Amino acid sequence: MDRELYISHSWTRGPHRCRAAGLDEDTVFATKPELAARMIGRFLDAGHRAGWVTADEVYGGNPKLRSALEERQVGYVLAVACSHEATIGAGEVRADALAAKVPKRAWQKLSAGAGAKGHRFYGSHIRAKKGSAERPAASSAGDVSTNPSHDRVTTRFGAGG
């Protein structure tokens, strides 16, 4: 696949630090989402295919990364902060308020594995996008809908569920 070394802003402002670490003096700061966009771009430009990309809030909160994925027609499941404003037909709405509108019976509880504070549980709900005639198939743990006519809404539950 690919890799990029994340170098903090404080390091890139000190050419002597970069030089001492064996980096070029002209090393410039790049955010983690910028590095991800570069790596995904190189991967796709090399002729590889990716049906979807998934990442945490650091990446999901970056509109440029989302736009880059949409331009390349790569599906994505990117976490966003609960305060993230999503645009829907009725205007802007917070992500947590939007997730709260999904009926409890529609959520599927999935574990992302054990973490420092116990299992990391997420709720997942797939729905057909407006205008899609196809209904999403039921999913099981680990399944991700790669059908562009489906949206996946995922929310984080506290440790232990």
Protein backbone atom coordinates (compact mmCIF):
# COMPACT_ATOMS: atom_id res chain seq x y z
CA MET A 1 0.00 0.00 0.00
CA ASP A 2 1.68 3.24 1.11
CA ARG A 3 2.99 5.23 4.04
CA GLU A 4 3.79 8.82 4.97
CA LEU A 5 5.65 10.07 8.00
CA TYR A 6 3.58 12.55 10.01
CA ILE A 7 5.87 15.33 11.20
CA SER A 8 4.46 17.83 13.64
CA HIS A 9 4.22 21.51 12.80
CA SER A 10 6.78 22.39 15.48
CA TRP A 11 9.35 20.14 13.79
CA THR A 12 8.81 21.53 10.30
CA ARG A 13 9.29 25.07 11.63
CA GLY A 14 12.78 24.09 12.80
CA PRO A 15 14.96 23.10 9.82
CA HIS A 16 17.75 22.11 12.22
CA ARG A 17 15.44 19.51 13.83
CA CYS A 18 14.53 18.09 10.42
CA ARG A 19 18.19 17.96 9.42
CA ALA A 20 19.15 16.23 12.71
CA ALA A 21 16.41 13.62 12.10
CA GLY A 22 17.65 12.96 8.56
CA LEU A 23 14.80 14.83 6.88
CA ASP A 24 15.16 17.35 4.09
CA GLU A 25 15.45 20.95 5.26
CA ASP A 26 12.56 21.87 2.97
CA THR A 27 10.19 19.41 4.70
CA VAL A 28 6.82 21.14 5.06
CA PHE A 29 4.00 20.42 7.48
CA ALA A 30 1.04 18.40 6.23
CA THR A 31 -2.02 17.44 8.25
CA LYS A 32 -2.91 13.77 8.65
CA PRO A 33 -5.88 14.16 6.25
CA GLU A 34 -3.55 15.76 3.67
CA LEU A 35 -1.16 12.83 4.00
CA ALA A 36 -4.08 10.39 3.64
CA ALA A 37 -5.30 12.16 0.48
CA ARG A 38 -1.80 11.93 -1.02
CA MET A 39 -1.52 8.22 -0.24
CA ILE A 40 -5.00 7.42 -1.55
CA GLY A 41 -4.29 9.47 -4.67
CA ARG A 42 -1.04 7.61 -5.35
CA PHE A 43 -2.78 4.27 -4.78
CA LEU A 44 -5.56 5.10 -7.25
CA ASP A 45 -3.18 6.70 -9.77
CA ALA A 46 -1.18 3.45 -9.79
CA GLY A 47 -4.28 1.72 -11.18
CA HIS A 48 -5.48 0.10 -7.97
CA ARG A 49 -9.14 0.19 -6.97
CA ALA A 50 -10.68 0.95 -3.60
CA GLY A 51 -14.40 0.45 -3.10
CA TRP A 52 -14.34 2.44 0.11
CA VAL A 53 -12.16 4.13 2.72
CA THR A 54 -12.79 4.32 6.45
CA ALA A 55 -11.18 6.59 9.04
CA ASP A 56 -11.69 8.28 12.40
CA GLU A 57 -12.70 11.86 13.31
CA VAL A 58 -9.31 13.37 12.47
CA TYR A 59 -9.98 12.50 8.82
CA GLY A 60 -13.78 12.72 8.80
CA GLY A 61 -13.71 16.31 10.00
CA ASN A 62 -11.71 17.36 6.94
CA PRO A 63 -13.95 18.49 4.07
CA LYS A 64 -11.07 18.47 1.56
CA LEU A 65 -10.47 14.76 2.13
CA ARG A 66 -14.18 14.00 1.71
CA SER A 67 -14.27 16.07 -1.48
CA ALA A 68 -11.17 14.32 -2.84
CA LEU A 69 -12.77 10.92 -2.22
CA GLU A 70 -16.03 12.02 -3.87
CA GLU A 71 -14.14 13.38 -6.91
CA ARG A 72 -12.40 10.01 -7.27
CA GLN A 73 -15.75 8.22 -6.74
CA VAL A 74 -14.43 6.34 -3.71
CA GLY A 75 -17.03 5.49 -1.08
CA TYR A 76 -16.19 6.35 2.50
CA VAL A 77 -17.17 5.85 6.11
CA LEU A 78 -15.51 8.67 8.02
CA ALA A 79 -16.27 9.43 11.65
CA VAL A 80 -17.19 13.00 12.50
CA ALA A 81 -17.55 14.82 15.80
CA CYS A 82 -21.04 14.87 17.27
CA SER A 83 -21.02 18.64 16.71
CA HIS A 84 -20.35 18.23 12.97
CA GLU A 85 -22.97 20.01 10.87
CA ALA A 86 -24.45 17.81 8.14
CA THR A 87 -26.44 19.25 5.25
CA ILE A 88 -29.78 17.56 4.65
CA GLY A 89 -32.91 18.60 2.77
CA ALA A 90 -34.09 20.64 5.76
CA GLY A 91 -30.74 22.47 6.09
CA GLU A 92 -27.86 22.06 8.53
CA VAL A 93 -28.21 19.63 11.44
CA ARG A 94 -25.74 18.35 14.02
CA ALA A 95 -24.53 14.77 13.53
CA ASP A 96 -25.71 13.70 16.99
CA ALA A 97 -29.18 15.14 16.38
CA LEU A 98 -29.36 13.36 13.02
CA ALA A 99 -28.30 10.01 14.56
CA ALA A 100 -30.90 10.47 17.32
CA LYS A 101 -33.65 10.57 14.66
CA VAL A 102 -32.91 6.98 13.59
CA PRO A 103 -35.23 4.60 15.50
CA LYS A 104 -33.43 2.45 18.09
CA ARG A 105 -34.65 -0.76 16.42
CA ALA A 106 -32.84 0.26 13.19
CA TRP A 107 -29.39 0.25 14.80
CA GLN A 108 -27.10 -2.77 14.72
CA LYS A 109 -24.58 -2.91 17.58
CA LEU A 110 -21.08 -3.91 16.41
CA SER A 111 -17.83 -4.27 18.35
CA ALA A 112 -14.63 -2.83 16.93
CA GLY A 113 -12.68 -4.94 19.42
CA ALA A 114 -11.32 -4.45 22.90
CA GLY A 115 -9.78 -1.12 23.78
CA ALA A 116 -8.15 0.33 26.88
CA LYS A 117 -11.61 0.91 28.43
CA GLY A 118 -13.29 -2.28 27.24
CA HIS A 119 -14.97 -3.16 23.96
CA ARG A 120 -15.45 -0.31 21.51
CA PHE A 121 -19.08 -0.58 20.44
CA TYR A 122 -20.53 1.22 17.48
CA GLY A 123 -24.06 1.41 16.21
CA SER A 124 -24.53 0.99 12.50
CA HIS A 125 -27.51 1.70 10.30
CA ILE A 126 -27.66 1.45 6.50
CA ARG A 127 -30.37 3.14 4.48
CA ALA A 128 -31.02 3.66 0.79
CA LYS A 129 -30.28 7.18 -0.43
CA LYS A 130 -33.19 9.31 -1.55
CA GLY A 131 -34.23 8.36 -5.06
CA SER A 132 -32.76 4.85 -4.88
CA ALA A 133 -35.19 2.10 -5.80
CA GLU A 134 -32.99 -0.55 -4.18
CA ARG A 135 -33.35 -1.39 -0.50
CA PRO A 136 -30.11 -2.05 1.37
CA ALA A 137 -29.45 -5.65 2.31
CA ALA A 138 -29.14 -6.57 5.96
CA SER A 139 -25.54 -6.38 7.05
CA SER A 140 -23.53 -8.43 9.49
CA ALA A 141 -20.55 -7.46 11.61
CA GLY A 142 -17.76 -6.20 9.42
CA ASP A 143 -19.89 -5.70 6.31
CA VAL A 144 -19.69 -2.32 4.66
CA SER A 145 -22.13 -1.31 1.96
CA THR A 146 -20.16 -0.40 -1.16
CA ASN A 147 -23.33 0.35 -3.09
CA PRO A 148 -23.33 4.11 -3.85
CA SER A 149 -27.13 4.15 -3.46
CA HIS A 150 -26.71 3.40 0.27
CA ASP A 151 -25.66 5.60 3.19
CA ARG A 152 -24.15 4.14 6.33
CA VAL A 153 -24.76 6.01 9.56
CA THR A 154 -22.50 4.95 12.42
CA THR A 155 -22.40 6.20 15.97
CA ARG A 156 -20.09 5.47 18.89
CA PHE A 157 -21.45 3.96 22.09
CA GLY A 158 -19.60 4.29 25.39
CA ALA A 159 -17.20 1.59 26.60
CA GLY A 160 -19.03 -1.56 27.54
CA GLY A 161 -22.01 -0.74 25.33
